[in-house]
Amino acid sequence: TPGQLEALSMPVLLCWGGAERILPQAHLDFFRANLPKHTIIERPANWGHSPFLDDPRGFAQRVVAFARAVG
């Protein structure tokens, strides 16, 4: 729910692929509107719905970099 998303206090990284073809734009709009202000939202151009398949190395590097930055 919007309230549950807004209440998240931990660091949040949302990577929404620029090549997403499964979920509609309205879903991203919902998350943008309801995730906390400290959320980082990124739109990697070549990532689709499954970035761990589209770009496994790039995805892993981004997750590790985020974890290091907040850890």
N, C-alpha and C. Protein backbone atom coordinates (compact mmCIF):
# COMPACT_ATOMS: atom_id res chain seq x y z
N THR A 1 0.85 -1.19 0.00
CA THR A 1 0.00 0.00 0.00
C THR A 1 0.89 1.24 0.00
N PRO A 2 0.36 2.36 -0.40
CA PRO A 2 1.16 3.58 -0.35
C PRO A 2 1.74 3.86 1.03
N GLY A 3 0.96 3.66 2.06
CA GLY A 3 1.44 3.91 3.42
C GLY A 3 2.59 3.00 3.82
N GLN A 4 2.51 1.75 3.41
CA GLN A 4 3.59 0.81 3.71
C GLN A 4 4.87 1.21 2.99
N LEU A 5 4.76 1.62 1.75
CA LEU A 5 5.95 2.06 1.01
C LEU A 5 6.55 3.31 1.63
N GLU A 6 5.72 4.29 1.94
CA GLU A 6 6.20 5.54 2.53
C GLU A 6 6.89 5.33 3.86
N ALA A 7 6.51 4.27 4.58
CA ALA A 7 7.05 4.00 5.91
C ALA A 7 8.41 3.31 5.88
N LEU A 8 8.88 2.90 4.73
CA LEU A 8 10.18 2.22 4.66
C LEU A 8 11.28 3.16 5.13
N SER A 9 12.05 2.71 6.09
CA SER A 9 13.11 3.56 6.63
C SER A 9 14.49 3.15 6.15
N MET A 10 14.62 1.93 5.63
CA MET A 10 15.92 1.46 5.17
C MET A 10 16.26 2.09 3.81
N PRO A 11 17.53 2.07 3.43
CA PRO A 11 17.90 2.56 2.10
C PRO A 11 17.17 1.74 1.02
N VAL A 12 16.71 2.42 0.00
CA VAL A 12 15.96 1.75 -1.07
C VAL A 12 16.55 2.15 -2.42
N LEU A 13 16.84 1.15 -3.22
CA LEU A 13 17.27 1.35 -4.61
C LEU A 13 16.28 0.64 -5.50
N LEU A 14 15.64 1.38 -6.38
CA LEU A 14 14.72 0.80 -7.35
C LEU A 14 15.34 0.97 -8.73
N CYS A 15 15.70 -0.14 -9.34
CA CYS A 15 16.22 -0.13 -10.70
C CYS A 15 15.09 -0.59 -11.62
N TRP A 16 14.60 0.31 -12.42
CA TRP A 16 13.50 0.02 -13.35
C TRP A 16 14.07 0.12 -14.74
N GLY A 17 14.20 -1.00 -15.38
CA GLY A 17 14.85 -1.04 -16.68
C GLY A 17 14.22 -0.14 -17.72
N GLY A 18 15.06 0.55 -18.45
CA GLY A 18 14.59 1.39 -19.54
C GLY A 18 13.97 0.58 -20.66
N ALA A 19 14.26 -0.71 -20.69
CA ALA A 19 13.71 -1.60 -21.71
C ALA A 19 12.62 -2.50 -21.11
N GLU A 20 12.02 -2.09 -20.01
CA GLU A 20 10.94 -2.85 -19.37
C GLU A 20 9.78 -3.01 -20.35
N ARG A 21 9.35 -4.26 -20.57
CA ARG A 21 8.25 -4.51 -21.50
C ARG A 21 7.13 -5.34 -20.88
N ILE A 22 7.24 -5.65 -19.59
CA ILE A 22 6.20 -6.47 -18.95
C ILE A 22 5.29 -5.60 -18.08
N LEU A 23 5.90 -4.81 -17.21
CA LEU A 23 5.10 -3.95 -16.32
C LEU A 23 4.84 -2.60 -16.99
N PRO A 24 3.64 -2.07 -16.84
CA PRO A 24 3.31 -0.78 -17.44
C PRO A 24 3.96 0.40 -16.70
N GLN A 25 4.10 1.48 -17.39
CA GLN A 25 4.66 2.72 -16.83
C GLN A 25 3.90 3.15 -15.58
N ALA A 26 2.61 2.87 -15.53
CA ALA A 26 1.80 3.26 -14.36
C ALA A 26 2.33 2.64 -13.07
N HIS A 27 2.93 1.46 -13.16
CA HIS A 27 3.50 0.84 -11.96
C HIS A 27 4.71 1.63 -11.46
N LEU A 28 5.56 2.04 -12.37
CA LEU A 28 6.70 2.87 -11.96
C LEU A 28 6.20 4.19 -11.38
N ASP A 29 5.20 4.77 -12.00
CA ASP A 29 4.63 6.02 -11.49
C ASP A 29 4.13 5.84 -10.06
N PHE A 30 3.50 4.70 -9.77
CA PHE A 30 3.02 4.41 -8.42
C PHE A 30 4.18 4.37 -7.43
N PHE A 31 5.24 3.67 -7.80
CA PHE A 31 6.39 3.59 -6.90
C PHE A 31 7.04 4.96 -6.72
N ARG A 32 7.18 5.71 -7.78
CA ARG A 32 7.76 7.07 -7.66
C ARG A 32 6.95 7.93 -6.70
N ALA A 33 5.64 7.80 -6.77
CA ALA A 33 4.76 8.62 -5.94
C ALA A 33 4.73 8.18 -4.48
N ASN A 34 5.04 6.91 -4.21
CA ASN A 34 4.81 6.39 -2.86
C ASN A 34 6.03 5.90 -2.11
N LEU A 35 7.15 5.70 -2.78
CA LEU A 35 8.35 5.32 -2.04
C LEU A 35 8.88 6.53 -1.28
N PRO A 36 9.62 6.32 -0.21
CA PRO A 36 10.12 7.45 0.57
C PRO A 36 11.07 8.33 -0.25
N LYS A 37 11.21 9.55 0.18
CA LYS A 37 12.03 10.54 -0.54
C LYS A 37 13.48 10.11 -0.68
N HIS A 38 13.99 9.30 0.24
CA HIS A 38 15.39 8.89 0.17
C HIS A 38 15.63 7.77 -0.84
N THR A 39 14.60 7.30 -1.50
CA THR A 39 14.74 6.23 -2.49
C THR A 39 15.55 6.71 -3.69
N ILE A 40 16.44 5.87 -4.15
CA ILE A 40 17.18 6.11 -5.39
C ILE A 40 16.47 5.32 -6.49
N ILE A 41 16.04 6.02 -7.52
CA ILE A 41 15.39 5.35 -8.65
C ILE A 41 16.27 5.53 -9.87
N GLU A 42 16.63 4.42 -10.47
CA GLU A 42 17.49 4.45 -11.66
C GLU A 42 16.79 3.73 -12.80
N ARG A 43 17.07 4.19 -14.04
CA ARG A 43 16.48 3.60 -15.25
C ARG A 43 17.58 3.17 -16.21
N PRO A 44 18.30 2.10 -15.92
CA PRO A 44 19.35 1.65 -16.83
C PRO A 44 18.77 1.32 -18.21
N ALA A 45 19.31 1.93 -19.23
CA ALA A 45 18.73 1.86 -20.57
C ALA A 45 18.61 0.45 -21.12
N ASN A 46 19.60 -0.37 -20.92
CA ASN A 46 19.60 -1.69 -21.54
C ASN A 46 19.03 -2.79 -20.67
N TRP A 47 18.49 -2.45 -19.53
CA TRP A 47 17.90 -3.45 -18.66
C TRP A 47 16.41 -3.54 -18.94
N GLY A 48 15.92 -4.78 -18.97
CA GLY A 48 14.49 -5.01 -19.12
C GLY A 48 13.91 -5.45 -17.79
N HIS A 49 12.96 -6.37 -17.85
CA HIS A 49 12.27 -6.84 -16.65
C HIS A 49 13.18 -7.67 -15.75
N SER A 50 14.17 -8.31 -16.32
CA SER A 50 15.05 -9.20 -15.56
C SER A 50 16.51 -8.80 -15.76
N PRO A 51 16.96 -7.75 -15.07
CA PRO A 51 18.32 -7.27 -15.30
C PRO A 51 19.40 -8.29 -14.97
N PHE A 52 19.09 -9.22 -14.08
CA PHE A 52 20.07 -10.26 -13.74
C PHE A 52 20.29 -11.20 -14.92
N LEU A 53 19.38 -11.19 -15.89
CA LEU A 53 19.57 -11.96 -17.13
C LEU A 53 20.12 -11.06 -18.25
N ASP A 54 19.63 -9.82 -18.31
CA ASP A 54 20.03 -8.89 -19.37
C ASP A 54 21.49 -8.47 -19.23
N ASP A 55 21.90 -8.22 -18.01
CA ASP A 55 23.25 -7.70 -17.75
C ASP A 55 23.70 -8.18 -16.37
N PRO A 56 23.98 -9.48 -16.24
CA PRO A 56 24.30 -10.02 -14.91
C PRO A 56 25.45 -9.30 -14.21
N ARG A 57 26.50 -9.02 -14.94
CA ARG A 57 27.66 -8.35 -14.33
C ARG A 57 27.31 -6.93 -13.90
N GLY A 58 26.66 -6.18 -14.78
CA GLY A 58 26.28 -4.81 -14.45
C GLY A 58 25.30 -4.74 -13.29
N PHE A 59 24.36 -5.67 -13.27
CA PHE A 59 23.40 -5.72 -12.18
C PHE A 59 24.10 -6.02 -10.86
N ALA A 60 24.95 -7.02 -10.86
CA ALA A 60 25.68 -7.39 -9.64
C ALA A 60 26.55 -6.23 -9.16
N GLN A 61 27.22 -5.56 -10.08
CA GLN A 61 28.07 -4.42 -9.70
C GLN A 61 27.24 -3.31 -9.07
N ARG A 62 26.04 -3.07 -9.61
CA ARG A 62 25.21 -1.99 -9.06
C ARG A 62 24.71 -2.36 -7.66
N VAL A 63 24.31 -3.60 -7.47
CA VAL A 63 23.84 -4.04 -6.16
C VAL A 63 24.97 -3.95 -5.13
N VAL A 64 26.15 -4.40 -5.49
CA VAL A 64 27.29 -4.35 -4.57
C VAL A 64 27.66 -2.91 -4.26
N ALA A 65 27.67 -2.05 -5.27
CA ALA A 65 28.00 -0.64 -5.03
C ALA A 65 26.99 0.02 -4.09
N PHE A 66 25.71 -0.30 -4.29
CA PHE A 66 24.68 0.26 -3.40
C PHE A 66 24.86 -0.24 -1.97
N ALA A 67 25.10 -1.54 -1.82
CA ALA A 67 25.29 -2.11 -0.49
C ALA A 67 26.50 -1.49 0.21
N ARG A 68 27.57 -1.28 -0.52
CA ARG A 68 28.75 -0.65 0.07
C ARG A 68 28.49 0.78 0.48
N ALA A 69 27.73 1.50 -0.34
CA ALA A 69 27.45 2.90 -0.07
C ALA A 69 26.59 3.09 1.17
N VAL A 70 25.70 2.16 1.42
CA VAL A 70 24.79 2.31 2.56
C VAL A 70 25.24 1.52 3.78
N GLY A 71 26.22 0.62 3.57
CA GLY A 71 26.63 -0.27 4.64
C GLY A 71 27.59 0.34 5.57
